[in-house]
């Protein structure tokens, strides 16, 4: 009986609160200080519970497997339960056999307006639009899970992207910005539409090649790993030929530009001349960073 009890306890410890995300949620209200500050603190606590305690998928996830991520919400205007804000979403994943954690997503959404009453219940229902607050946060929670899955298995994030698309589809009729193609060419609508389009398959292929075949092999063979990372960037260059200045290319490099510089500065040498040509072409906004990579 004692042995069975120990096994049960180990199972409980391993899976207690075993939702998919380990998310740090912060609500910054400095720009609207002087109002009822307690509502912002309550909002932060409620969102943290919502993101971290919701079962976003049907997968069983151990505590140690939860995805480390963050959501930083900056409130710019507040009146009568109406909030105008931005949300910065970030995530990372551990690299095999190392202490390093690699950034996967670093995205700033500037169209985040919502209504919230203090102590309002936040529940995820993929088939209904309950509030823009819930829909936006649910959307990015699923995007984080999807992109993380893509870094471990080719097209591994498919069901989670599709769940995010369903959230976007339901929210389209809400009237809030960011959910329709007419708002801008760089918003939540285009994010999920592009990532599921056959036109941009190289983006997801690059996520897998870069992380699983590249970074995860660094402990074994640095040169081979770097060549795989370079191959991932080549995939993006092919995508860029068909769709110049694509939204997904920007999303990729917003997360990876600093890391790429670090990877190809020192250590095992690879053909950086060809790599640099591609980087300058597909991500000219990061030219200053690319100049730090030496031939």
C-alpha atoms as a PDB file:
ATOM      1  CA  UNK A   1       0.000   0.000   0.000  1.00  0.00           C
ATOM      2  CA  UNK A   2       2.850   2.387   0.860  1.00  0.00           C
ATOM      3  CA  UNK A   3       4.489   1.886  -2.532  1.00  0.00           C
ATOM      4  CA  UNK A   4       1.179   2.511  -4.298  1.00  0.00           C
ATOM      5  CA  UNK A   5       0.657   5.671  -2.248  1.00  0.00           C
ATOM      6  CA  UNK A   6       4.124   6.942  -3.198  1.00  0.00           C
ATOM      7  CA  UNK A   7       3.429   6.312  -6.887  1.00  0.00           C
ATOM      8  CA  UNK A   8       0.125   8.169  -6.662  1.00  0.00           C
ATOM      9  CA  UNK A   9       1.796  11.104  -4.916  1.00  0.00           C
ATOM     10  CA  UNK A  10       4.524  11.220  -7.547  1.00  0.00           C
ATOM     11  CA  UNK A  11       1.896  11.272 -10.267  1.00  0.00           C
ATOM     12  CA  UNK A  12      -0.002  14.079  -8.530  1.00  0.00           C
ATOM     13  CA  UNK A  13       3.181  16.115  -8.025  1.00  0.00           C
ATOM     14  CA  UNK A  14       4.111  15.624 -11.666  1.00  0.00           C
ATOM     15  CA  UNK A  15       0.767  16.722 -13.037  1.00  0.00           C
ATOM     16  CA  UNK A  16      -0.626  19.142 -10.431  1.00  0.00           C
ATOM     17  CA  UNK A  17      -1.784  22.332 -12.187  1.00  0.00           C
ATOM     18  CA  UNK A  18      -0.426  20.717 -15.342  1.00  0.00           C
ATOM     19  CA  UNK A  19      -1.830  23.229 -17.787  1.00  0.00           C
ATOM     20  CA  UNK A  20       0.261  24.019 -20.850  1.00  0.00           C
ATOM     21  CA  UNK A  21       1.568  27.467 -19.959  1.00  0.00           C
ATOM     22  CA  UNK A  22       3.801  28.880 -17.272  1.00  0.00           C
ATOM     23  CA  UNK A  23       3.053  32.510 -18.017  1.00  0.00           C
ATOM     24  CA  UNK A  24       4.131  35.680 -16.251  1.00  0.00           C
ATOM     25  CA  UNK A  25       1.371  38.254 -16.689  1.00  0.00           C
ATOM     26  CA  UNK A  26       2.025  41.912 -15.918  1.00  0.00           C
ATOM     27  CA  UNK A  27      -0.370  44.841 -16.202  1.00  0.00           C
ATOM     28  CA  UNK A  28       1.330  48.227 -16.341  1.00  0.00           C
ATOM     29  CA  UNK A  29      -0.949  51.175 -15.499  1.00  0.00           C
ATOM     30  CA  UNK A  30       1.598  53.990 -15.010  1.00  0.00           C
ATOM     31  CA  UNK A  31       0.051  56.059 -17.794  1.00  0.00           C
ATOM     32  CA  UNK A  32      -3.323  56.074 -16.016  1.00  0.00           C
ATOM     33  CA  UNK A  33      -2.082  56.262 -12.411  1.00  0.00           C
ATOM     34  CA  UNK A  34      -4.267  58.156  -9.987  1.00  0.00           C
ATOM     35  CA  UNK A  35      -7.452  56.281 -10.805  1.00  0.00           C
ATOM     36  CA  UNK A  36      -8.686  53.200  -8.956  1.00  0.00           C
ATOM     37  CA  UNK A  37      -5.433  51.258  -9.100  1.00  0.00           C
ATOM     38  CA  UNK A  38      -6.945  48.168  -7.493  1.00  0.00           C
ATOM     39  CA  UNK A  39      -8.823  47.258 -10.673  1.00  0.00           C
ATOM     40  CA  UNK A  40      -5.521  46.871 -12.533  1.00  0.00           C
ATOM     41  CA  UNK A  41      -4.092  44.614  -9.840  1.00  0.00           C
ATOM     42  CA  UNK A  42      -7.242  42.507  -9.878  1.00  0.00           C
ATOM     43  CA  UNK A  43      -7.054  42.330 -13.668  1.00  0.00           C
ATOM     44  CA  UNK A  44      -3.443  41.124 -13.485  1.00  0.00           C
ATOM     45  CA  UNK A  45      -4.320  38.377 -10.994  1.00  0.00           C
ATOM     46  CA  UNK A  46      -7.385  37.292 -12.962  1.00  0.00           C
ATOM     47  CA  UNK A  47      -5.466  37.124 -16.233  1.00  0.00           C
ATOM     48  CA  UNK A  48      -2.624  35.188 -14.643  1.00  0.00           C
ATOM     49  CA  UNK A  49      -5.083  32.618 -13.306  1.00  0.00           C
ATOM     50  CA  UNK A  50      -6.926  32.507 -16.623  1.00  0.00           C
ATOM     51  CA  UNK A  51      -3.812  31.867 -18.728  1.00  0.00           C
ATOM     52  CA  UNK A  52      -2.097  29.456 -16.369  1.00  0.00           C
ATOM     53  CA  UNK A  53      -5.078  27.440 -15.145  1.00  0.00           C
ATOM     54  CA  UNK A  54      -6.963  26.958 -18.399  1.00  0.00           C
ATOM     55  CA  UNK A  55      -6.545  23.648 -20.218  1.00  0.00           C
ATOM     56  CA  UNK A  56      -5.897  24.999 -23.710  1.00  0.00           C
ATOM     57  CA  UNK A  57      -5.508  21.557 -25.273  1.00  0.00           C
ATOM     58  CA  UNK A  58      -6.433  17.958 -24.527  1.00  0.00           C
ATOM     59  CA  UNK A  59      -2.762  17.027 -24.063  1.00  0.00           C
ATOM     60  CA  UNK A  60      -1.437  15.822 -20.711  1.00  0.00           C
ATOM     61  CA  UNK A  61       1.466  18.062 -19.766  1.00  0.00           C
ATOM     62  CA  UNK A  62       3.894  17.618 -16.881  1.00  0.00           C
ATOM     63  CA  UNK A  63       4.768  20.682 -14.834  1.00  0.00           C
ATOM     64  CA  UNK A  64       8.326  20.610 -16.153  1.00  0.00           C
ATOM     65  CA  UNK A  65       6.983  20.626 -19.724  1.00  0.00           C
ATOM     66  CA  UNK A  66       4.939  23.795 -19.378  1.00  0.00           C
ATOM     67  CA  UNK A  67       5.916  26.555 -21.798  1.00  0.00           C
ATOM     68  CA  UNK A  68       7.613  29.559 -20.253  1.00  0.00           C
ATOM     69  CA  UNK A  69       6.028  32.708 -21.604  1.00  0.00           C
ATOM     70  CA  UNK A  70       4.988  36.230 -20.725  1.00  0.00           C
ATOM     71  CA  UNK A  71       2.255  38.745 -21.451  1.00  0.00           C
ATOM     72  CA  UNK A  72       2.967  42.392 -20.700  1.00  0.00           C
ATOM     73  CA  UNK A  73      -0.140  44.565 -20.946  1.00  0.00           C
ATOM     74  CA  UNK A  74       0.406  48.312 -21.037  1.00  0.00           C
ATOM     75  CA  UNK A  75      -2.739  50.322 -20.254  1.00  0.00           C
ATOM     76  CA  UNK A  76      -2.720  53.657 -22.071  1.00  0.00           C
ATOM     77  CA  UNK A  77      -6.302  54.816 -21.386  1.00  0.00           C
ATOM     78  CA  UNK A  78      -8.972  53.813 -18.880  1.00  0.00           C
ATOM     79  CA  UNK A  79     -12.472  55.118 -18.229  1.00  0.00           C
ATOM     80  CA  UNK A  80     -15.796  53.545 -17.250  1.00  0.00           C
ATOM     81  CA  UNK A  81     -14.514  49.955 -17.518  1.00  0.00           C
ATOM     82  CA  UNK A  82     -13.127  50.619 -21.010  1.00  0.00           C
ATOM     83  CA  UNK A  83      -9.421  49.893 -21.502  1.00  0.00           C
ATOM     84  CA  UNK A  84      -7.102  50.915 -24.298  1.00  0.00           C
ATOM     85  CA  UNK A  85      -3.852  48.951 -24.228  1.00  0.00           C
ATOM     86  CA  UNK A  86      -1.072  47.112 -25.993  1.00  0.00           C
ATOM     87  CA  UNK A  87       0.048  43.558 -25.294  1.00  0.00           C
ATOM     88  CA  UNK A  88       3.594  42.259 -25.649  1.00  0.00           C
ATOM     89  CA  UNK A  89       3.663  38.466 -25.922  1.00  0.00           C
ATOM     90  CA  UNK A  90       6.820  36.422 -25.521  1.00  0.00           C
ATOM     91  CA  UNK A  91       7.717  32.758 -25.220  1.00  0.00           C
ATOM     92  CA  UNK A  92      10.817  30.576 -25.101  1.00  0.00           C
ATOM     93  CA  UNK A  93      11.733  26.928 -25.092  1.00  0.00           C
ATOM     94  CA  UNK A  94      14.643  25.060 -23.488  1.00  0.00           C
ATOM     95  CA  UNK A  95      17.456  23.812 -25.695  1.00  0.00           C
ATOM     96  CA  UNK A  96      18.348  20.154 -25.327  1.00  0.00           C
ATOM     97  CA  UNK A  97      21.214  19.308 -22.989  1.00  0.00           C
ATOM     98  CA  UNK A  98      21.892  22.918 -22.044  1.00  0.00           C
ATOM     99  CA  UNK A  99      20.850  25.617 -19.581  1.00  0.00           C
ATOM    100  CA  UNK A 100      19.875  27.913 -22.455  1.00  0.00           C
ATOM    101  CA  UNK A 101      16.325  28.940 -23.300  1.00  0.00           C
ATOM    102  CA  UNK A 102      15.686  30.172 -26.832  1.00  0.00           C
ATOM    103  CA  UNK A 103      13.127  32.900 -27.651  1.00  0.00           C
ATOM    104  CA  UNK A 104      10.395  31.656 -29.987  1.00  0.00           C
ATOM    105  CA  UNK A 105       7.930  34.552 -29.999  1.00  0.00           C
ATOM    106  CA  UNK A 106       8.373  38.250 -29.262  1.00  0.00           C
ATOM    107  CA  UNK A 107       5.318  40.073 -30.528  1.00  0.00           C
ATOM    108  CA  UNK A 108       3.730  43.444 -29.783  1.00  0.00           C
ATOM    109  CA  UNK A 109       0.015  43.842 -30.534  1.00  0.00           C
ATOM    110  CA  UNK A 110      -1.015  47.511 -30.425  1.00  0.00           C
ATOM    111  CA  UNK A 111      -4.734  46.948 -31.087  1.00  0.00           C
ATOM    112  CA  UNK A 112      -5.818  45.677 -27.697  1.00  0.00           C
ATOM    113  CA  UNK A 113      -8.936  47.496 -26.516  1.00  0.00           C
ATOM    114  CA  UNK A 114     -11.317  45.753 -24.145  1.00  0.00           C
ATOM    115  CA  UNK A 115     -14.015  46.113 -21.529  1.00  0.00           C
ATOM    116  CA  UNK A 116     -13.461  44.722 -18.049  1.00  0.00           C
ATOM    117  CA  UNK A 117     -15.324  44.999 -14.756  1.00  0.00           C
ATOM    118  CA  UNK A 118     -13.392  44.181 -11.604  1.00  0.00           C
ATOM    119  CA  UNK A 119     -13.830  40.536 -10.503  1.00  0.00           C
ATOM    120  CA  UNK A 120     -15.390  39.659 -13.869  1.00  0.00           C
ATOM    121  CA  UNK A 121     -15.070  35.930 -14.548  1.00  0.00           C
ATOM    122  CA  UNK A 122     -12.787  35.019 -17.433  1.00  0.00           C
ATOM    123  CA  UNK A 123     -13.683  31.767 -19.176  1.00  0.00           C
ATOM    124  CA  UNK A 124     -12.487  30.319 -22.464  1.00  0.00           C
ATOM    125  CA  UNK A 125     -15.268  29.158 -24.762  1.00  0.00           C
ATOM    126  CA  UNK A 126     -13.958  28.622 -28.316  1.00  0.00           C
ATOM    127  CA  UNK A 127     -17.478  28.771 -29.759  1.00  0.00           C
ATOM    128  CA  UNK A 128     -18.554  32.171 -28.414  1.00  0.00           C
ATOM    129  CA  UNK A 129     -17.262  35.716 -28.110  1.00  0.00           C
ATOM    130  CA  UNK A 130     -17.459  36.634 -24.419  1.00  0.00           C
ATOM    131  CA  UNK A 131     -15.104  39.619 -24.417  1.00  0.00           C
ATOM    132  CA  UNK A 132     -12.193  40.987 -26.422  1.00  0.00           C
ATOM    133  CA  UNK A 133     -10.011  40.533 -23.357  1.00  0.00           C
ATOM    134  CA  UNK A 134     -10.685  36.794 -23.289  1.00  0.00           C
ATOM    135  CA  UNK A 135     -10.448  36.365 -27.064  1.00  0.00           C
ATOM    136  CA  UNK A 136      -7.119  38.176 -27.484  1.00  0.00           C
ATOM    137  CA  UNK A 137      -5.469  36.419 -24.557  1.00  0.00           C
ATOM    138  CA  UNK A 138      -6.853  33.038 -25.645  1.00  0.00           C
ATOM    139  CA  UNK A 139      -5.637  33.658 -29.193  1.00  0.00           C
ATOM    140  CA  UNK A 140      -2.062  34.337 -28.105  1.00  0.00           C
ATOM    141  CA  UNK A 141      -2.081  31.473 -25.597  1.00  0.00           C
ATOM    142  CA  UNK A 142      -2.885  29.105 -28.459  1.00  0.00           C
ATOM    143  CA  UNK A 143      -0.330  30.757 -30.761  1.00  0.00           C
ATOM    144  CA  UNK A 144       2.359  30.254 -28.097  1.00  0.00           C
ATOM    145  CA  UNK A 145       1.461  26.559 -27.811  1.00  0.00           C
ATOM    146  CA  UNK A 146       1.322  26.137 -31.599  1.00  0.00           C
ATOM    147  CA  UNK A 147       4.677  27.760 -32.292  1.00  0.00           C
ATOM    148  CA  UNK A 148       6.315  25.803 -29.475  1.00  0.00           C
ATOM    149  CA  UNK A 149       4.942  22.543 -30.914  1.00  0.00           C
ATOM    150  CA  UNK A 150       6.280  23.470 -34.360  1.00  0.00           C
ATOM    151  CA  UNK A 151       9.802  23.708 -32.918  1.00  0.00           C
ATOM    152  CA  UNK A 152       9.692  20.046 -31.821  1.00  0.00           C
ATOM    153  CA  UNK A 153       7.840  18.379 -34.679  1.00  0.00           C
ATOM    154  CA  UNK A 154       7.239  19.354 -38.295  1.00  0.00           C
ATOM    155  CA  UNK A 155       3.733  20.851 -38.392  1.00  0.00           C
ATOM    156  CA  UNK A 156       3.287  19.856 -34.759  1.00  0.00           C
ATOM    157  CA  UNK A 157       1.373  23.045 -34.021  1.00  0.00           C
ATOM    158  CA  UNK A 158      -1.388  22.468 -36.598  1.00  0.00           C
ATOM    159  CA  UNK A 159      -4.305  21.728 -34.224  1.00  0.00           C
ATOM    160  CA  UNK A 160      -3.414  24.697 -32.023  1.00  0.00           C
ATOM    161  CA  UNK A 161      -3.159  27.126 -34.932  1.00  0.00           C
ATOM    162  CA  UNK A 162      -6.564  25.871 -36.045  1.00  0.00           C
ATOM    163  CA  UNK A 163      -7.938  26.500 -32.540  1.00  0.00           C
ATOM    164  CA  UNK A 164      -6.488  30.034 -32.663  1.00  0.00           C
ATOM    165  CA  UNK A 165      -8.105  30.533 -36.065  1.00  0.00           C
ATOM    166  CA  UNK A 166     -11.455  29.524 -34.593  1.00  0.00           C
ATOM    167  CA  UNK A 167     -11.046  32.159 -31.875  1.00  0.00           C
ATOM    168  CA  UNK A 168     -10.257  34.727 -34.582  1.00  0.00           C
ATOM    169  CA  UNK A 169     -13.227  33.678 -36.720  1.00  0.00           C
ATOM    170  CA  UNK A 170     -15.674  33.990 -33.822  1.00  0.00           C
ATOM    171  CA  UNK A 171     -14.237  37.401 -32.849  1.00  0.00           C
ATOM    172  CA  UNK A 172     -14.485  38.891 -36.353  1.00  0.00           C
ATOM    173  CA  UNK A 173     -18.020  40.181 -35.865  1.00  0.00           C
ATOM    174  CA  UNK A 174     -17.187  41.834 -32.514  1.00  0.00           C
ATOM    175  CA  UNK A 175     -16.188  45.162 -34.031  1.00  0.00           C
ATOM    176  CA  UNK A 176     -12.847  45.216 -32.212  1.00  0.00           C
ATOM    177  CA  UNK A 177      -9.722  45.997 -34.198  1.00  0.00           C
ATOM    178  CA  UNK A 178      -7.229  43.297 -35.111  1.00  0.00           C
ATOM    179  CA  UNK A 179      -9.612  40.538 -36.144  1.00  0.00           C
ATOM    180  CA  UNK A 180     -10.369  41.453 -39.761  1.00  0.00           C
ATOM    181  CA  UNK A 181      -8.337  41.846 -42.925  1.00  0.00           C
ATOM    182  CA  UNK A 182      -9.485  45.431 -43.427  1.00  0.00           C
ATOM    183  CA  UNK A 183      -7.823  46.834 -40.283  1.00  0.00           C
ATOM    184  CA  UNK A 184      -4.214  46.530 -41.461  1.00  0.00           C
ATOM    185  CA  UNK A 185      -1.989  43.966 -43.191  1.00  0.00           C
ATOM    186  CA  UNK A 186      -0.249  43.130 -39.902  1.00  0.00           C
ATOM    187  CA  UNK A 187      -2.684  42.001 -37.241  1.00  0.00           C
ATOM    188  CA  UNK A 188      -4.146  38.875 -35.648  1.00  0.00           C
ATOM    189  CA  UNK A 189      -6.194  38.077 -38.747  1.00  0.00           C
ATOM    190  CA  UNK A 190      -3.134  38.091 -41.003  1.00  0.00           C
ATOM    191  CA  UNK A 191      -0.977  36.321 -38.415  1.00  0.00           C
ATOM    192  CA  UNK A 192      -3.190  33.232 -38.305  1.00  0.00           C
ATOM    193  CA  UNK A 193      -4.230  33.406 -41.982  1.00  0.00           C
ATOM    194  CA  UNK A 194      -0.624  33.499 -43.161  1.00  0.00           C
ATOM    195  CA  UNK A 195       0.692  30.861 -40.797  1.00  0.00           C
ATOM    196  CA  UNK A 196      -1.942  28.391 -42.034  1.00  0.00           C
ATOM    197  CA  UNK A 197      -1.458  29.275 -45.703  1.00  0.00           C
ATOM    198  CA  UNK A 198       0.467  26.972 -48.058  1.00  0.00           C
ATOM    199  CA  UNK A 199       2.184  30.092 -49.367  1.00  0.00           C
ATOM    200  CA  UNK A 200       4.093  30.463 -46.115  1.00  0.00           C
ATOM    201  CA  UNK A 201       4.911  26.843 -45.241  1.00  0.00           C
ATOM    202  CA  UNK A 202       8.632  27.688 -45.036  1.00  0.00           C
ATOM    203  CA  UNK A 203       7.977  29.724 -41.883  1.00  0.00           C
ATOM    204  CA  UNK A 204       6.897  26.655 -39.964  1.00  0.00           C
ATOM    205  CA  UNK A 205       9.562  24.493 -41.588  1.00  0.00           C
ATOM    206  CA  UNK A 206      12.127  27.060 -40.444  1.00  0.00           C
ATOM    207  CA  UNK A 207      10.862  26.903 -36.858  1.00  0.00           C
ATOM    208  CA  UNK A 208      11.437  23.144 -36.802  1.00  0.00           C
ATOM    209  CA  UNK A 209      14.787  23.124 -38.605  1.00  0.00           C
ATOM    210  CA  UNK A 210      16.164  26.048 -36.606  1.00  0.00           C
ATOM    211  CA  UNK A 211      15.286  24.636 -33.180  1.00  0.00           C
ATOM    212  CA  UNK A 212      15.052  20.846 -33.325  1.00  0.00           C
ATOM    213  CA  UNK A 213      17.638  20.150 -36.010  1.00  0.00           C
ATOM    214  CA  UNK A 214      19.789  23.171 -35.189  1.00  0.00           C
ATOM    215  CA  UNK A 215      19.887  24.464 -31.626  1.00  0.00           C
ATOM    216  CA  UNK A 216      19.037  21.103 -30.046  1.00  0.00           C
ATOM    217  CA  UNK A 217      22.115  19.601 -31.727  1.00  0.00           C
ATOM    218  CA  UNK A 218      24.559  22.262 -30.522  1.00  0.00           C
ATOM    219  CA  UNK A 219      25.773  20.032 -27.695  1.00  0.00           C
ATOM    220  CA  UNK A 220      26.757  17.329 -30.172  1.00  0.00           C
ATOM    221  CA  UNK A 221      28.181  19.127 -33.217  1.00  0.00           C
ATOM    222  CA  UNK A 222      28.297  22.913 -33.338  1.00  0.00           C
ATOM    223  CA  UNK A 223      29.185  23.121 -37.017  1.00  0.00           C
ATOM    224  CA  UNK A 224      26.348  20.840 -38.155  1.00  0.00           C
ATOM    225  CA  UNK A 225      23.922  22.667 -35.869  1.00  0.00           C
ATOM    226  CA  UNK A 226      24.919  26.053 -37.314  1.00  0.00           C
ATOM    227  CA  UNK A 227      24.515  24.726 -40.828  1.00  0.00           C
ATOM    228  CA  UNK A 228      20.973  23.631 -39.977  1.00  0.00           C
ATOM    229  CA  UNK A 229      20.184  27.066 -38.558  1.00  0.00           C
ATOM    230  CA  UNK A 230      21.550  28.602 -41.747  1.00  0.00           C
ATOM    231  CA  UNK A 231      19.343  26.183 -43.695  1.00  0.00           C
ATOM    232  CA  UNK A 232      16.318  27.429 -41.748  1.00  0.00           C
ATOM    233  CA  UNK A 233      17.142  31.001 -42.746  1.00  0.00           C
ATOM    234  CA  UNK A 234      17.489  29.837 -46.361  1.00  0.00           C
ATOM    235  CA  UNK A 235      13.922  28.480 -46.152  1.00  0.00           C
ATOM    236  CA  UNK A 236      12.763  31.945 -45.123  1.00  0.00           C
ATOM    237  CA  UNK A 237      14.649  33.471 -48.042  1.00  0.00           C
ATOM    238  CA  UNK A 238      12.696  31.209 -50.433  1.00  0.00           C
ATOM    239  CA  UNK A 239       9.477  32.391 -48.827  1.00  0.00           C
ATOM    240  CA  UNK A 240      10.628  35.978 -49.175  1.00  0.00           C
ATOM    241  CA  UNK A 241      11.151  35.538 -52.919  1.00  0.00           C
ATOM    242  CA  UNK A 242       7.447  34.722 -53.323  1.00  0.00           C
ATOM    243  CA  UNK A 243       6.146  37.168 -50.716  1.00  0.00           C
ATOM    244  CA  UNK A 244       8.603  40.066 -50.130  1.00  0.00           C
ATOM    245  CA  UNK A 245       8.394  41.831 -46.764  1.00  0.00           C
ATOM    246  CA  UNK A 246       6.114  39.142 -45.382  1.00  0.00           C
ATOM    247  CA  UNK A 247       4.566  39.582 -41.963  1.00  0.00           C
ATOM    248  CA  UNK A 248       5.790  36.183 -40.765  1.00  0.00           C
ATOM    249  CA  UNK A 249       9.388  37.020 -41.659  1.00  0.00           C
ATOM    250  CA  UNK A 250       9.195  40.030 -39.378  1.00  0.00           C
ATOM    251  CA  UNK A 251       7.659  37.923 -36.602  1.00  0.00           C
ATOM    252  CA  UNK A 252      10.495  35.401 -36.916  1.00  0.00           C
ATOM    253  CA  UNK A 253      13.297  37.946 -36.737  1.00  0.00           C
ATOM    254  CA  UNK A 254      11.694  40.007 -33.969  1.00  0.00           C
ATOM    255  CA  UNK A 255      12.291  36.950 -31.803  1.00  0.00           C
ATOM    256  CA  UNK A 256      15.516  35.574 -33.284  1.00  0.00           C
ATOM    257  CA  UNK A 257      17.713  38.462 -34.549  1.00  0.00           C
ATOM    258  CA  UNK A 258      19.859  38.850 -31.411  1.00  0.00           C
ATOM    259  CA  UNK A 259      20.209  35.103 -31.050  1.00  0.00           C
ATOM    260  CA  UNK A 260      21.315  34.688 -34.680  1.00  0.00           C
ATOM    261  CA  UNK A 261      24.068  37.259 -34.158  1.00  0.00           C
ATOM    262  CA  UNK A 262      25.209  35.395 -31.050  1.00  0.00           C
ATOM    263  CA  UNK A 263      25.174  32.002 -32.786  1.00  0.00           C
ATOM    264  CA  UNK A 264      27.287  33.084 -35.738  1.00  0.00           C
ATOM    265  CA  UNK A 265      29.733  35.220 -33.767  1.00  0.00           C
ATOM    266  CA  UNK A 266      32.545  32.908 -32.694  1.00  0.00           C
ATOM    267  CA  UNK A 267      32.594  29.153 -32.297  1.00  0.00           C
ATOM    268  CA  UNK A 268      32.645  26.670 -35.155  1.00  0.00           C
ATOM    269  CA  UNK A 269      32.939  28.397 -38.521  1.00  0.00           C
ATOM    270  CA  UNK A 270      30.414  28.038 -41.320  1.00  0.00           C
ATOM    271  CA  UNK A 271      29.792  29.904 -44.572  1.00  0.00           C
ATOM    272  CA  UNK A 272      28.630  33.233 -43.142  1.00  0.00           C
ATOM    273  CA  UNK A 273      29.037  35.133 -46.427  1.00  0.00           C
ATOM    274  CA  UNK A 274      26.058  33.393 -48.014  1.00  0.00           C
ATOM    275  CA  UNK A 275      24.125  33.628 -44.753  1.00  0.00           C
ATOM    276  CA  UNK A 276      24.733  37.370 -44.451  1.00  0.00           C
ATOM    277  CA  UNK A 277      23.532  38.008 -47.985  1.00  0.00           C
ATOM    278  CA  UNK A 278      20.261  36.301 -47.152  1.00  0.00           C
ATOM    279  CA  UNK A 279      19.881  38.123 -43.820  1.00  0.00           C
ATOM    280  CA  UNK A 280      20.466  41.548 -45.340  1.00  0.00           C
ATOM    281  CA  UNK A 281      17.949  40.762 -48.092  1.00  0.00           C
ATOM    282  CA  UNK A 282      15.104  39.287 -46.061  1.00  0.00           C
ATOM    283  CA  UNK A 283      15.465  41.393 -42.899  1.00  0.00           C
ATOM    284  CA  UNK A 284      17.024  44.766 -43.800  1.00  0.00           C
ATOM    285  CA  UNK A 285      15.575  46.335 -40.651  1.00  0.00           C
ATOM    286  CA  UNK A 286      18.154  44.348 -38.683  1.00  0.00           C
ATOM    287  CA  UNK A 287      21.106  45.360 -40.889  1.00  0.00           C
ATOM    288  CA  UNK A 288      22.918  46.980 -37.976  1.00  0.00           C
ATOM    289  CA  UNK A 289      22.767  43.713 -36.078  1.00  0.00           C
ATOM    290  CA  UNK A 290      23.859  41.638 -39.072  1.00  0.00           C
ATOM    291  CA  UNK A 291      26.954  43.851 -39.394  1.00  0.00           C
ATOM    292  CA  UNK A 292      28.145  42.376 -36.077  1.00  0.00           C
ATOM    293  CA  UNK A 293      28.485  38.941 -37.703  1.00  0.00           C
ATOM    294  CA  UNK A 294      32.031  38.696 -39.021  1.00  0.00           C
ATOM    295  CA  UNK A 295      33.006  36.856 -42.182  1.00  0.00           C
END
